[in-house]
Every structure is written in structure tokens, then in C-alpha cells.
Amino acid sequence: MPDRFITIVVPPHQTRERLDVFLTHHIENATRSKVQQAIEQGFVTVNDKPVKPSHKVNPAEIIKITIPKQSSQNVSPENIPLDILYEDDSLIVVNKKAGMVTHPAYGNYTGTLVNALLFHCNNKLSNVNDPTRPGIVHRLDKDTTGLIVVAKNDVCHAFLAKQFSQRTIEREYWAIVWGLFKKGEKKGMIETAIGRSKSDRKKITVTFTGKHAITEYEVIEEYDYLSLVRLHLKTGRTHQIRVHLHHIGHPVFGDPTYGGRRIAYGGTEKKKKEQVQELLNIIKRQALHAKTLAFVHPATKKFIKFDSDLPDDMLKVIAIIRKS
């Protein structure tokens, strides 16, 4: 497999900061230690010259990063427990926990869902993707919990992928979000173009030239300053739900990337602020869960549907805010 290359042009407004810090903020799934290692090994250049991690970036500098592809033998099976809802000879449906990356990527080559699946399935997963993503038809963000379907063979993979591309697969997410929705806006559709942010490559943002994205939402319950919302994806873009909810002023509670850890609603009284902090201490991620997944089975051609319970951290937040 060929190497992958990333080119970043430092934006005009960029303040001078260390290269390793800058890249950690601009490469998805990157950690500072991994970035430092890549720089020291010569995989990063600035204006086509090798540099040190301490190099201070300047506007208009051209940073080039080489990310070596991991060969299939480097993605090793790992005995990691999985919450399996369903399994047969064609596919497996897993309830992914928070903190688990779906497949190996820069900075996360072990401990992923793929590593766990290779062990559980004795390496019997589809080979349609590159060797770092066997069986993976779709993905969830690292700290989003919930249901993922994984293909065990190429025929199954192709059949599932077609349903995703034709948008016939049903996906329902539940999220705890900041604020209460106005009367007449408790159910609706968010439709925008979204794409990678030019100022921070780890972020997605609403743009004029990005990919078309549609999210339907409906309020399930309302609390003092939070709401429980049901969401349906009509498209499957990176960070779509999180970006769309932030765009309409209701960021996902706890989301560190899209404004969910700032106190957006609830007033400034001390008791209320203390409660918000208590809830943020309980949920250290975005309060987003892929609750329901439904599709036509590739082998039986029957429509099957799976549902999963909300994770403990979201349930605890809901229990506390219901009492307030």
C-alpha cells in the first residue's frame, strides 16, 4: 500500500507556536508524542526542509506530512472484550464503547475495534477496504457510543455498502444537547454543506463548498437547560450530527470539539454552575449514542433492526437533570 501525504499551508492569521503543537491540532487522531516521533523520523518537512518539533510555524509555510500505510500484518488481533448484539456467518453487530477508535489510523494503531474484531472473528473479515480497515462498512467517532455493523466477507460488505450509499439503512442517534428548543422548532431538518475547516484540520464546519449533509431531529424530553434529542442521518458525513447541532446553537453536551464543554445555557448562579460542572465531570465526551440500526440482511434479504440502551454516563446525566 502506498504512503499517504498531507499538505498544510499555515493560514495568514496563525500565531507562532511549536510545530508539534500545531500538527496535533490539525491531524485527526494525532497525539503530540506521535507527532514528535514523526517529525524526528523525518516524516515532516517545512518548506521541503527537515525541522525539529520545536520549530515555530509561520504564516504561509508549507508543511508536508508523510503517513506510512500500515500493512495488513501490522494490524494485529487483540483480545479486547466486545459488546456483541448479533452475529452470524455474514456479519456482526457491535455496541461500541466510548474511547474506542473504529479502525487503525494515525496515532491509534492498537486498541481499535478492528484489532478486537480480528481476534474475535479469527481474521475472517471482508477485504474490500485497505488492510487497516477489514470489515468496516461505516464508522463512529472515537467517543461516540453505539451500534456498528461489520462485514465478514466481501459479498456482505458490498451489499451493506450499497444500502449506505443509497441511504436505505436506518440510523437513529440520541444526544443530550445544550438548551431548549423554541416552540415550532422541536422537530425539523438541518440541511447544509459541511467540510474540513481550513483553520483547524481536525474540525468540520458548515461551508458553501463542502459535501451535502442532512440531519433530521426531534426533541424527546426537555429539562432545565438541556434537551434529549432523537436524530436520523440522511447522509453520513464526518462529525455531521455534532457540526449540525453546533450550527443551530445546540451543541452536544460534553463535546470538547464543538463547544459542548462551555456553559452555554443555565444562567450564572453558583448552584446551577456547580451542577453543570458535576454533569460535565460525569460525561467526559460528547453525549451522543448510535441507538438504532436497521438494514436488509445480505444473505437472508430480510429487514432486521437492532436497538441499544443508552450508556451509563448519559443515563446518569439524565437522571440528575430530571430531578432539578
C-alpha atoms as a PDB file:
ATOM      1  CA  MET A   1       0.000   0.000   0.000  1.00  0.00           C
ATOM      2  CA  PRO A   2       1.333   3.472  -0.841  1.00  0.00           C
ATOM      3  CA  ASP A   3       2.070   6.103   1.775  1.00  0.00           C
ATOM      4  CA  ARG A   4      -0.465   8.859   2.392  1.00  0.00           C
ATOM      5  CA  PHE A   5       0.541  12.514   2.193  1.00  0.00           C
ATOM      6  CA  ILE A   6      -0.940  15.575   3.890  1.00  0.00           C
ATOM      7  CA  THR A   7      -0.051  19.132   2.895  1.00  0.00           C
ATOM      8  CA  ILE A   8      -0.961  22.031   5.164  1.00  0.00           C
ATOM      9  CA  VAL A   9      -0.431  25.687   4.301  1.00  0.00           C
ATOM     10  CA  VAL A  10      -0.166  27.681   7.523  1.00  0.00           C
ATOM     11  CA  PRO A  11      -3.028  30.244   7.440  1.00  0.00           C
ATOM     12  CA  PRO A  12      -2.301  34.004   7.444  1.00  0.00           C
ATOM     13  CA  HIS A  13      -3.725  34.565  10.939  1.00  0.00           C
ATOM     14  CA  GLN A  14      -1.755  31.756  12.586  1.00  0.00           C
ATOM     15  CA  THR A  15       0.195  32.804  15.670  1.00  0.00           C
ATOM     16  CA  ARG A  16       3.685  31.446  16.182  1.00  0.00           C
ATOM     17  CA  GLU A  17       3.542  28.103  18.003  1.00  0.00           C
ATOM     18  CA  ARG A  18       5.529  24.900  18.097  1.00  0.00           C
ATOM     19  CA  LEU A  19       5.196  22.655  15.064  1.00  0.00           C
ATOM     20  CA  ASP A  20       4.303  19.591  17.147  1.00  0.00           C
ATOM     21  CA  VAL A  21       1.509  21.503  18.879  1.00  0.00           C
ATOM     22  CA  PHE A  22       0.221  22.920  15.577  1.00  0.00           C
ATOM     23  CA  LEU A  23       0.089  19.494  13.913  1.00  0.00           C
ATOM     24  CA  THR A  24      -1.576  17.854  16.909  1.00  0.00           C
ATOM     25  CA  HIS A  25      -4.451  20.310  16.366  1.00  0.00           C
ATOM     26  CA  HIS A  26      -4.600  19.703  12.630  1.00  0.00           C
ATOM     27  CA  ILE A  27      -4.345  15.934  12.152  1.00  0.00           C
ATOM     28  CA  GLU A  28      -7.278  13.776  13.210  1.00  0.00           C
ATOM     29  CA  ASN A  29      -6.496  11.210  15.926  1.00  0.00           C
ATOM     30  CA  ALA A  30      -2.972  12.592  16.352  1.00  0.00           C
ATOM     31  CA  THR A  31      -1.253  12.831  19.724  1.00  0.00           C
ATOM     32  CA  ARG A  32       1.657  15.119  20.489  1.00  0.00           C
ATOM     33  CA  SER A  33       4.017  12.219  21.213  1.00  0.00           C
ATOM     34  CA  LYS A  34       3.202  10.566  17.883  1.00  0.00           C
ATOM     35  CA  VAL A  35       3.647  13.852  16.030  1.00  0.00           C
ATOM     36  CA  GLN A  36       7.022  14.439  17.706  1.00  0.00           C
ATOM     37  CA  GLN A  37       8.110  10.942  16.731  1.00  0.00           C
ATOM     38  CA  ALA A  38       7.080  11.521  13.098  1.00  0.00           C
ATOM     39  CA  ILE A  39       8.993  14.819  12.956  1.00  0.00           C
ATOM     40  CA  GLU A  40      12.115  13.273  14.453  1.00  0.00           C
ATOM     41  CA  GLN A  41      11.938  10.364  11.993  1.00  0.00           C
ATOM     42  CA  GLY A  42      11.870  12.754   9.028  1.00  0.00           C
ATOM     43  CA  PHE A  43       8.233  12.278   8.019  1.00  0.00           C
ATOM     44  CA  VAL A  44       7.530  16.023   8.336  1.00  0.00           C
ATOM     45  CA  THR A  45       9.085  18.895   6.366  1.00  0.00           C
ATOM     46  CA  VAL A  46       8.521  22.638   6.381  1.00  0.00           C
ATOM     47  CA  ASN A  47       9.120  24.309   3.015  1.00  0.00           C
ATOM     48  CA  ASP A  48      10.685  20.980   1.950  1.00  0.00           C
ATOM     49  CA  LYS A  49      13.281  21.061   4.740  1.00  0.00           C
ATOM     50  CA  PRO A  50      13.541  18.805   7.819  1.00  0.00           C
ATOM     51  CA  VAL A  51      12.788  20.558  11.108  1.00  0.00           C
ATOM     52  CA  LYS A  52      12.609  19.923  14.831  1.00  0.00           C
ATOM     53  CA  PRO A  53       9.392  19.566  16.865  1.00  0.00           C
ATOM     54  CA  SER A  54      10.178  22.930  18.470  1.00  0.00           C
ATOM     55  CA  HIS A  55      10.146  24.768  15.111  1.00  0.00           C
ATOM     56  CA  LYS A  56       7.816  27.793  15.330  1.00  0.00           C
ATOM     57  CA  VAL A  57       5.350  27.819  12.463  1.00  0.00           C
ATOM     58  CA  ASN A  58       4.866  30.982  10.430  1.00  0.00           C
ATOM     59  CA  PRO A  59       2.046  32.067   8.103  1.00  0.00           C
ATOM     60  CA  ALA A  60       2.329  30.747   4.507  1.00  0.00           C
ATOM     61  CA  GLU A  61       4.781  27.979   5.424  1.00  0.00           C
ATOM     62  CA  ILE A  62       4.068  24.708   3.615  1.00  0.00           C
ATOM     63  CA  ILE A  63       4.078  21.669   5.888  1.00  0.00           C
ATOM     64  CA  LYS A  64       4.209  18.217   4.298  1.00  0.00           C
ATOM     65  CA  ILE A  65       3.494  15.076   6.330  1.00  0.00           C
ATOM     66  CA  THR A  66       4.078  11.523   5.160  1.00  0.00           C
ATOM     67  CA  ILE A  67       1.893   8.943   6.885  1.00  0.00           C
ATOM     68  CA  PRO A  68       3.141   5.420   6.142  1.00  0.00           C
ATOM     69  CA  LYS A  69       0.386   2.948   5.405  1.00  0.00           C
ATOM     70  CA  GLN A  70       0.193   0.107   7.857  1.00  0.00           C
ATOM     71  CA  SER A  71       0.456  -3.264   6.154  1.00  0.00           C
ATOM     72  CA  SER A  72      -2.116  -5.940   6.950  1.00  0.00           C
ATOM     73  CA  GLN A  73       0.345  -7.917   9.051  1.00  0.00           C
ATOM     74  CA  ASN A  74       0.865  -4.846  11.248  1.00  0.00           C
ATOM     75  CA  VAL A  75      -2.818  -4.732  12.231  1.00  0.00           C
ATOM     76  CA  SER A  76      -2.780  -7.435  14.859  1.00  0.00           C
ATOM     77  CA  PRO A  77      -5.669  -9.252  16.542  1.00  0.00           C
ATOM     78  CA  GLU A  78      -6.107  -8.181  20.166  1.00  0.00           C
ATOM     79  CA  ASN A  79      -8.182  -9.873  22.839  1.00  0.00           C
ATOM     80  CA  ILE A  80     -10.399  -6.899  23.682  1.00  0.00           C
ATOM     81  CA  PRO A  81     -13.922  -7.524  25.052  1.00  0.00           C
ATOM     82  CA  LEU A  82     -16.775  -6.611  22.712  1.00  0.00           C
ATOM     83  CA  ASP A  83     -20.465  -5.970  23.382  1.00  0.00           C
ATOM     84  CA  ILE A  84     -21.959  -8.095  20.568  1.00  0.00           C
ATOM     85  CA  LEU A  85     -25.677  -7.765  19.852  1.00  0.00           C
ATOM     86  CA  TYR A  86     -25.800 -10.138  16.876  1.00  0.00           C
ATOM     87  CA  GLU A  87     -23.502 -12.366  14.857  1.00  0.00           C
ATOM     88  CA  ASP A  88     -23.771 -14.889  12.008  1.00  0.00           C
ATOM     89  CA  ASP A  89     -21.597 -16.067   9.116  1.00  0.00           C
ATOM     90  CA  SER A  90     -22.129 -12.825   7.178  1.00  0.00           C
ATOM     91  CA  LEU A  91     -21.881 -10.009   9.684  1.00  0.00           C
ATOM     92  CA  ILE A  92     -21.554  -8.910  13.272  1.00  0.00           C
ATOM     93  CA  VAL A  93     -23.312  -6.032  15.068  1.00  0.00           C
ATOM     94  CA  VAL A  94     -21.331  -4.449  17.906  1.00  0.00           C
ATOM     95  CA  ASN A  95     -22.269  -1.861  20.522  1.00  0.00           C
ATOM     96  CA  LYS A  96     -19.071   0.237  20.543  1.00  0.00           C
ATOM     97  CA  LYS A  97     -17.915   1.746  23.814  1.00  0.00           C
ATOM     98  CA  ALA A  98     -16.630   5.299  24.280  1.00  0.00           C
ATOM     99  CA  GLY A  99     -12.908   5.812  23.745  1.00  0.00           C
ATOM    100  CA  MET A 100     -12.531   3.083  21.128  1.00  0.00           C
ATOM    101  CA  VAL A 101     -11.343   4.137  17.661  1.00  0.00           C
ATOM    102  CA  THR A 102     -13.132   2.253  14.875  1.00  0.00           C
ATOM    103  CA  HIS A 103     -10.054   1.355  12.827  1.00  0.00           C
ATOM    104  CA  PRO A 104      -6.288   1.964  12.975  1.00  0.00           C
ATOM    105  CA  ALA A 105      -5.253   5.461  11.966  1.00  0.00           C
ATOM    106  CA  TYR A 106      -2.503   7.953  12.685  1.00  0.00           C
ATOM    107  CA  GLY A 107      -1.662   7.700  16.383  1.00  0.00           C
ATOM    108  CA  ASN A 108      -4.025   4.768  17.013  1.00  0.00           C
ATOM    109  CA  TYR A 109      -2.683   1.515  15.588  1.00  0.00           C
ATOM    110  CA  THR A 110      -3.694  -0.676  18.537  1.00  0.00           C
ATOM    111  CA  GLY A 111      -6.720  -0.999  20.792  1.00  0.00           C
ATOM    112  CA  THR A 112      -9.187  -0.293  17.976  1.00  0.00           C
ATOM    113  CA  LEU A 113     -12.436  -2.025  17.119  1.00  0.00           C
ATOM    114  CA  VAL A 114     -10.676  -3.645  14.151  1.00  0.00           C
ATOM    115  CA  ASN A 115      -7.995  -5.146  16.411  1.00  0.00           C
ATOM    116  CA  ALA A 116     -10.719  -6.601  18.617  1.00  0.00           C
ATOM    117  CA  LEU A 117     -12.735  -7.908  15.656  1.00  0.00           C
ATOM    118  CA  LEU A 118      -9.727  -9.617  14.075  1.00  0.00           C
ATOM    119  CA  PHE A 119      -9.268 -11.575  17.294  1.00  0.00           C
ATOM    120  CA  HIS A 120     -12.934 -12.393  17.784  1.00  0.00           C
ATOM    121  CA  CYS A 121     -13.558 -13.370  14.138  1.00  0.00           C
ATOM    122  CA  ASN A 122     -10.242 -15.214  13.725  1.00  0.00           C
ATOM    123  CA  ASN A 123      -9.206 -12.773  10.955  1.00  0.00           C
ATOM    124  CA  LYS A 124     -12.330 -13.595   8.921  1.00  0.00           C
ATOM    125  CA  LEU A 125     -13.450 -10.134   7.829  1.00  0.00           C
ATOM    126  CA  SER A 126     -14.087  -8.581   4.414  1.00  0.00           C
ATOM    127  CA  ASN A 127     -11.089  -7.350   2.393  1.00  0.00           C
ATOM    128  CA  VAL A 128     -12.784  -4.643   0.324  1.00  0.00           C
ATOM    129  CA  ASN A 129     -11.007  -1.816   2.169  1.00  0.00           C
ATOM    130  CA  ASP A 130      -7.304  -1.235   2.643  1.00  0.00           C
ATOM    131  CA  PRO A 131      -5.662  -3.651   5.132  1.00  0.00           C
ATOM    132  CA  THR A 132      -6.142  -1.313   8.099  1.00  0.00           C
ATOM    133  CA  ARG A 133      -9.953  -1.439   7.825  1.00  0.00           C
ATOM    134  CA  PRO A 134     -11.072  -5.049   7.275  1.00  0.00           C
ATOM    135  CA  GLY A 135     -14.827  -5.457   7.628  1.00  0.00           C
ATOM    136  CA  ILE A 136     -15.509  -1.763   8.246  1.00  0.00           C
ATOM    137  CA  VAL A 137     -18.525  -0.536   6.268  1.00  0.00           C
ATOM    138  CA  HIS A 138     -19.130   2.620   8.322  1.00  0.00           C
ATOM    139  CA  ARG A 139     -17.619   4.175  11.432  1.00  0.00           C
ATOM    140  CA  LEU A 140     -18.366   6.064  14.620  1.00  0.00           C
ATOM    141  CA  ASP A 141     -16.235   8.793  16.179  1.00  0.00           C
ATOM    142  CA  LYS A 142     -13.895   7.628  18.943  1.00  0.00           C
ATOM    143  CA  ASP A 143     -16.069   8.966  21.764  1.00  0.00           C
ATOM    144  CA  THR A 144     -19.456   8.293  20.186  1.00  0.00           C
ATOM    145  CA  THR A 145     -21.008   5.098  21.518  1.00  0.00           C
ATOM    146  CA  GLY A 146     -23.410   2.741  19.820  1.00  0.00           C
ATOM    147  CA  LEU A 147     -24.117   0.324  17.010  1.00  0.00           C
ATOM    148  CA  ILE A 148     -21.805  -0.634  14.162  1.00  0.00           C
ATOM    149  CA  VAL A 149     -22.363  -3.409  11.621  1.00  0.00           C
ATOM    150  CA  VAL A 150     -19.229  -5.159  10.342  1.00  0.00           C
ATOM    151  CA  ALA A 151     -18.958  -7.395   7.247  1.00  0.00           C
ATOM    152  CA  LYS A 152     -17.307 -10.822   7.450  1.00  0.00           C
ATOM    153  CA  ASN A 153     -16.980 -11.316   3.679  1.00  0.00           C
ATOM    154  CA  ASP A 154     -16.758  -9.217   0.526  1.00  0.00           C
ATOM    155  CA  VAL A 155     -20.255 -10.090  -0.757  1.00  0.00           C
ATOM    156  CA  CYS A 156     -21.799  -8.954   2.507  1.00  0.00           C
ATOM    157  CA  HIS A 157     -19.642  -5.820   2.531  1.00  0.00           C
ATOM    158  CA  ALA A 158     -20.741  -4.807  -0.972  1.00  0.00           C
ATOM    159  CA  PHE A 159     -24.428  -5.399  -0.152  1.00  0.00           C
ATOM    160  CA  LEU A 160     -24.253  -3.311   3.027  1.00  0.00           C
ATOM    161  CA  ALA A 161     -22.193  -0.571   1.378  1.00  0.00           C
ATOM    162  CA  LYS A 162     -24.827  -0.246  -1.355  1.00  0.00           C
ATOM    163  CA  GLN A 163     -27.517   0.312   1.263  1.00  0.00           C
ATOM    164  CA  PHE A 164     -25.402   3.019   2.907  1.00  0.00           C
ATOM    165  CA  SER A 165     -24.766   4.736  -0.435  1.00  0.00           C
ATOM    166  CA  GLN A 166     -28.461   4.576  -1.359  1.00  0.00           C
ATOM    167  CA  ARG A 167     -29.396   5.820   2.139  1.00  0.00           C
ATOM    168  CA  THR A 168     -31.764   2.935   2.819  1.00  0.00           C
ATOM    169  CA  ILE A 169     -30.077   1.949   6.080  1.00  0.00           C
ATOM    170  CA  GLU A 170     -31.887   3.369   9.105  1.00  0.00           C
ATOM    171  CA  ARG A 171     -29.700   5.015  11.741  1.00  0.00           C
ATOM    172  CA  GLU A 172     -31.111   6.668  14.828  1.00  0.00           C
ATOM    173  CA  TYR A 173     -28.926   8.560  17.291  1.00  0.00           C
ATOM    174  CA  TRP A 174     -29.826  10.008  20.678  1.00  0.00           C
ATOM    175  CA  ALA A 175     -27.992  13.040  22.013  1.00  0.00           C
ATOM    176  CA  ILE A 176     -28.109  15.270  25.061  1.00  0.00           C
ATOM    177  CA  VAL A 177     -27.741  18.838  23.811  1.00  0.00           C
ATOM    178  CA  TRP A 178     -27.452  22.286  25.298  1.00  0.00           C
ATOM    179  CA  GLY A 179     -30.572  24.446  25.608  1.00  0.00           C
ATOM    180  CA  LEU A 180     -34.295  24.206  24.987  1.00  0.00           C
ATOM    181  CA  PHE A 181     -35.762  24.402  21.504  1.00  0.00           C
ATOM    182  CA  LYS A 182     -38.222  27.166  20.654  1.00  0.00           C
ATOM    183  CA  LYS A 183     -41.875  26.410  20.060  1.00  0.00           C
ATOM    184  CA  GLY A 184     -42.272  25.260  16.476  1.00  0.00           C
ATOM    185  CA  GLU A 185     -38.627  24.141  16.291  1.00  0.00           C
ATOM    186  CA  LYS A 186     -38.832  20.984  18.390  1.00  0.00           C
ATOM    187  CA  LYS A 187     -38.774  18.897  15.209  1.00  0.00           C
ATOM    188  CA  GLY A 188     -37.019  19.731  11.985  1.00  0.00           C
ATOM    189  CA  MET A 189     -34.313  19.146   9.427  1.00  0.00           C
ATOM    190  CA  ILE A 190     -30.817  20.619   9.254  1.00  0.00           C
ATOM    191  CA  GLU A 191     -29.501  20.791   5.696  1.00  0.00           C
ATOM    192  CA  THR A 192     -26.131  22.373   4.882  1.00  0.00           C
ATOM    193  CA  ALA A 193     -22.844  21.719   3.147  1.00  0.00           C
ATOM    194  CA  ILE A 194     -20.046  20.748   5.523  1.00  0.00           C
ATOM    195  CA  GLY A 195     -16.306  20.328   5.033  1.00  0.00           C
ATOM    196  CA  ARG A 196     -12.918  20.345   6.693  1.00  0.00           C
ATOM    197  CA  SER A 197     -12.072  23.582   8.498  1.00  0.00           C
ATOM    198  CA  LYS A 198      -9.199  25.490   6.905  1.00  0.00           C
ATOM    199  CA  SER A 199      -8.027  26.835  10.263  1.00  0.00           C
ATOM    200  CA  ASP A 200      -8.183  23.523  12.153  1.00  0.00           C
ATOM    201  CA  ARG A 201      -7.986  20.312  10.125  1.00  0.00           C
ATOM    202  CA  LYS A 202      -9.404  18.266  12.996  1.00  0.00           C
ATOM    203  CA  LYS A 203     -12.677  20.158  12.792  1.00  0.00           C
ATOM    204  CA  ILE A 204     -15.541  20.028  10.314  1.00  0.00           C
ATOM    205  CA  THR A 205     -17.541  23.169   9.669  1.00  0.00           C
ATOM    206  CA  VAL A 206     -20.534  24.421   7.702  1.00  0.00           C
ATOM    207  CA  THR A 207     -19.261  25.698   4.344  1.00  0.00           C
ATOM    208  CA  PHE A 208     -20.522  26.788   0.948  1.00  0.00           C
ATOM    209  CA  THR A 209     -18.392  24.310  -0.999  1.00  0.00           C
ATOM    210  CA  GLY A 210     -18.424  21.154   1.167  1.00  0.00           C
ATOM    211  CA  LYS A 211     -20.433  17.946   0.934  1.00  0.00           C
ATOM    212  CA  HIS A 212     -24.214  17.992   1.176  1.00  0.00           C
ATOM    213  CA  ALA A 213     -25.400  16.879   4.637  1.00  0.00           C
ATOM    214  CA  ILE A 214     -28.909  16.313   6.030  1.00  0.00           C
ATOM    215  CA  THR A 215     -29.844  15.573   9.646  1.00  0.00           C
ATOM    216  CA  GLU A 216     -33.401  15.204  10.943  1.00  0.00           C
ATOM    217  CA  TYR A 217     -34.037  15.847  14.648  1.00  0.00           C
ATOM    218  CA  GLU A 218     -36.873  15.622  17.159  1.00  0.00           C
ATOM    219  CA  VAL A 219     -36.902  16.586  20.831  1.00  0.00           C
ATOM    220  CA  ILE A 220     -37.716  13.628  23.110  1.00  0.00           C
ATOM    221  CA  GLU A 221     -37.517  15.339  26.524  1.00  0.00           C
ATOM    222  CA  GLU A 222     -36.644  18.785  27.828  1.00  0.00           C
ATOM    223  CA  TYR A 223     -35.007  19.568  31.161  1.00  0.00           C
ATOM    224  CA  ASP A 224     -33.850  22.764  32.866  1.00  0.00           C
ATOM    225  CA  TYR A 225     -31.173  23.737  30.350  1.00  0.00           C
ATOM    226  CA  LEU A 226     -30.591  20.505  28.386  1.00  0.00           C
ATOM    227  CA  SER A 227     -32.653  18.519  25.873  1.00  0.00           C
ATOM    228  CA  LEU A 228     -32.691  14.871  24.856  1.00  0.00           C
ATOM    229  CA  VAL A 229     -32.914  14.683  21.079  1.00  0.00           C
ATOM    230  CA  ARG A 230     -33.543  11.891  18.565  1.00  0.00           C
ATOM    231  CA  LEU A 231     -31.648  12.235  15.268  1.00  0.00           C
ATOM    232  CA  HIS A 232     -31.778  10.483  11.908  1.00  0.00           C
ATOM    233  CA  LEU A 233     -28.942  10.679   9.413  1.00  0.00           C
ATOM    234  CA  LYS A 234     -29.936  11.143   5.797  1.00  0.00           C
ATOM    235  CA  THR A 235     -26.269  11.437   4.841  1.00  0.00           C
ATOM    236  CA  GLY A 236     -23.213  10.111   6.638  1.00  0.00           C
ATOM    237  CA  ARG A 237     -20.557  12.822   6.799  1.00  0.00           C
ATOM    238  CA  THR A 238     -17.710  13.037   9.298  1.00  0.00           C
ATOM    239  CA  HIS A 239     -18.869  14.671  12.568  1.00  0.00           C
ATOM    240  CA  GLN A 240     -22.174  15.507  10.837  1.00  0.00           C
ATOM    241  CA  ILE A 241     -24.503  15.438  13.847  1.00  0.00           C
ATOM    242  CA  ARG A 242     -22.067  17.278  16.092  1.00  0.00           C
ATOM    243  CA  VAL A 243     -21.443  20.007  13.494  1.00  0.00           C
ATOM    244  CA  HIS A 244     -25.116  20.427  12.634  1.00  0.00           C
ATOM    245  CA  LEU A 245     -26.237  20.718  16.261  1.00  0.00           C
ATOM    246  CA  HIS A 246     -23.481  23.240  16.968  1.00  0.00           C
ATOM    247  CA  HIS A 247     -24.571  25.152  13.857  1.00  0.00           C
ATOM    248  CA  ILE A 248     -28.148  25.607  15.140  1.00  0.00           C
ATOM    249  CA  GLY A 249     -26.969  26.676  18.589  1.00  0.00           C
ATOM    250  CA  HIS A 250     -27.489  23.390  20.438  1.00  0.00           C
ATOM    251  CA  PRO A 251     -24.049  21.759  20.712  1.00  0.00           C
ATOM    252  CA  VAL A 252     -23.882  18.200  22.009  1.00  0.00           C
ATOM    253  CA  PHE A 253     -23.380  18.287  25.769  1.00  0.00           C
ATOM    254  CA  GLY A 254     -19.783  17.476  26.702  1.00  0.00           C
ATOM    255  CA  ASP A 255     -18.441  17.755  23.135  1.00  0.00           C
ATOM    256  CA  PRO A 256     -14.872  19.099  23.508  1.00  0.00           C
ATOM    257  CA  THR A 257     -14.508  19.947  19.815  1.00  0.00           C
ATOM    258  CA  TYR A 258     -17.756  21.744  19.034  1.00  0.00           C
ATOM    259  CA  GLY A 259     -18.500  23.881  22.072  1.00  0.00           C
ATOM    260  CA  GLY A 260     -20.161  21.288  24.273  1.00  0.00           C
ATOM    261  CA  ARG A 261     -17.956  21.796  27.338  1.00  0.00           C
ATOM    262  CA  ARG A 262     -18.634  25.514  27.640  1.00  0.00           C
ATOM    263  CA  ILE A 263     -21.611  26.546  29.762  1.00  0.00           C
ATOM    264  CA  ALA A 264     -23.974  27.629  27.024  1.00  0.00           C
ATOM    265  CA  TYR A 265     -27.247  27.802  28.967  1.00  0.00           C
ATOM    266  CA  GLY A 266     -28.494  27.636  32.534  1.00  0.00           C
ATOM    267  CA  GLY A 267     -27.658  31.045  33.905  1.00  0.00           C
ATOM    268  CA  THR A 268     -24.770  32.177  36.051  1.00  0.00           C
ATOM    269  CA  GLU A 269     -25.987  31.371  39.565  1.00  0.00           C
ATOM    270  CA  LYS A 270     -23.445  29.429  41.591  1.00  0.00           C
ATOM    271  CA  LYS A 271     -25.641  26.402  42.343  1.00  0.00           C
ATOM    272  CA  LYS A 272     -26.518  25.951  38.674  1.00  0.00           C
ATOM    273  CA  LYS A 273     -22.908  26.282  37.544  1.00  0.00           C
ATOM    274  CA  GLU A 274     -21.855  23.697  40.130  1.00  0.00           C
ATOM    275  CA  GLN A 275     -24.466  21.278  38.800  1.00  0.00           C
ATOM    276  CA  VAL A 276     -23.284  21.787  35.222  1.00  0.00           C
ATOM    277  CA  GLN A 277     -19.727  21.064  36.288  1.00  0.00           C
ATOM    278  CA  GLU A 278     -20.903  17.925  38.086  1.00  0.00           C
ATOM    279  CA  LEU A 279     -22.562  16.714  34.883  1.00  0.00           C
ATOM    280  CA  LEU A 280     -19.501  17.517  32.764  1.00  0.00           C
ATOM    281  CA  ASN A 281     -17.374  15.543  35.226  1.00  0.00           C
ATOM    282  CA  ILE A 282     -19.663  12.560  34.656  1.00  0.00           C
ATOM    283  CA  ILE A 283     -19.560  12.706  30.871  1.00  0.00           C
ATOM    284  CA  LYS A 284     -16.091  13.491  29.554  1.00  0.00           C
ATOM    285  CA  ARG A 285     -17.090  13.162  25.885  1.00  0.00           C
ATOM    286  CA  GLN A 286     -19.899  14.149  23.544  1.00  0.00           C
ATOM    287  CA  ALA A 287     -23.225  12.776  24.827  1.00  0.00           C
ATOM    288  CA  LEU A 288     -24.029  11.058  21.535  1.00  0.00           C
ATOM    289  CA  HIS A 289     -25.135   7.447  21.081  1.00  0.00           C
ATOM    290  CA  ALA A 290     -25.918   5.475  17.895  1.00  0.00           C
ATOM    291  CA  LYS A 291     -29.003   3.807  19.359  1.00  0.00           C
ATOM    292  CA  THR A 292     -30.734   2.049  16.478  1.00  0.00           C
ATOM    293  CA  LEU A 293     -29.511   0.386  13.284  1.00  0.00           C
ATOM    294  CA  ALA A 294     -31.712  -1.337  10.686  1.00  0.00           C
ATOM    295  CA  PHE A 295     -30.955  -2.813   7.261  1.00  0.00           C
ATOM    296  CA  VAL A 296     -31.680  -5.655   4.841  1.00  0.00           C
ATOM    297  CA  HIS A 297     -29.573  -8.716   5.687  1.00  0.00           C
ATOM    298  CA  PRO A 298     -27.221  -9.556   2.789  1.00  0.00           C
ATOM    299  CA  ALA A 299     -27.865 -13.311   2.974  1.00  0.00           C
ATOM    300  CA  THR A 300     -31.497 -13.689   4.091  1.00  0.00           C
ATOM    301  CA  LYS A 301     -32.710 -10.474   2.395  1.00  0.00           C
ATOM    302  CA  LYS A 302     -34.878  -9.865   5.460  1.00  0.00           C
ATOM    303  CA  PHE A 303     -35.116  -6.449   7.115  1.00  0.00           C
ATOM    304  CA  ILE A 304     -33.525  -6.608  10.582  1.00  0.00           C
ATOM    305  CA  LYS A 305     -33.397  -3.962  13.303  1.00  0.00           C
ATOM    306  CA  PHE A 306     -31.224  -3.566  16.390  1.00  0.00           C
ATOM    307  CA  ASP A 307     -31.578  -1.259  19.377  1.00  0.00           C
ATOM    308  CA  SER A 308     -29.146  -0.498  22.192  1.00  0.00           C
ATOM    309  CA  ASP A 309     -29.524   1.070  25.630  1.00  0.00           C
ATOM    310  CA  LEU A 310     -28.040   4.464  26.391  1.00  0.00           C
ATOM    311  CA  PRO A 311     -24.599   4.192  28.059  1.00  0.00           C
ATOM    312  CA  ASP A 312     -24.245   4.728  31.796  1.00  0.00           C
ATOM    313  CA  ASP A 313     -22.740   8.220  31.579  1.00  0.00           C
ATOM    314  CA  MET A 314     -25.667   9.565  29.544  1.00  0.00           C
ATOM    315  CA  LEU A 315     -28.184   7.842  31.835  1.00  0.00           C
ATOM    316  CA  LYS A 316     -26.553   9.405  34.912  1.00  0.00           C
ATOM    317  CA  VAL A 317     -26.697  12.899  33.388  1.00  0.00           C
ATOM    318  CA  ILE A 318     -30.381  12.436  32.503  1.00  0.00           C
ATOM    319  CA  ALA A 319     -31.230  11.122  35.988  1.00  0.00           C
ATOM    320  CA  ILE A 320     -29.639  14.119  37.701  1.00  0.00           C
ATOM    321  CA  ILE A 321     -31.069  16.792  35.404  1.00  0.00           C
ATOM    322  CA  ARG A 322     -34.579  15.276  35.642  1.00  0.00           C
ATOM    323  CA  LYS A 323     -34.552  15.933  39.394  1.00  0.00           C
ATOM    324  CA  SER A 324     -33.530  19.583  39.089  1.00  0.00           C
END
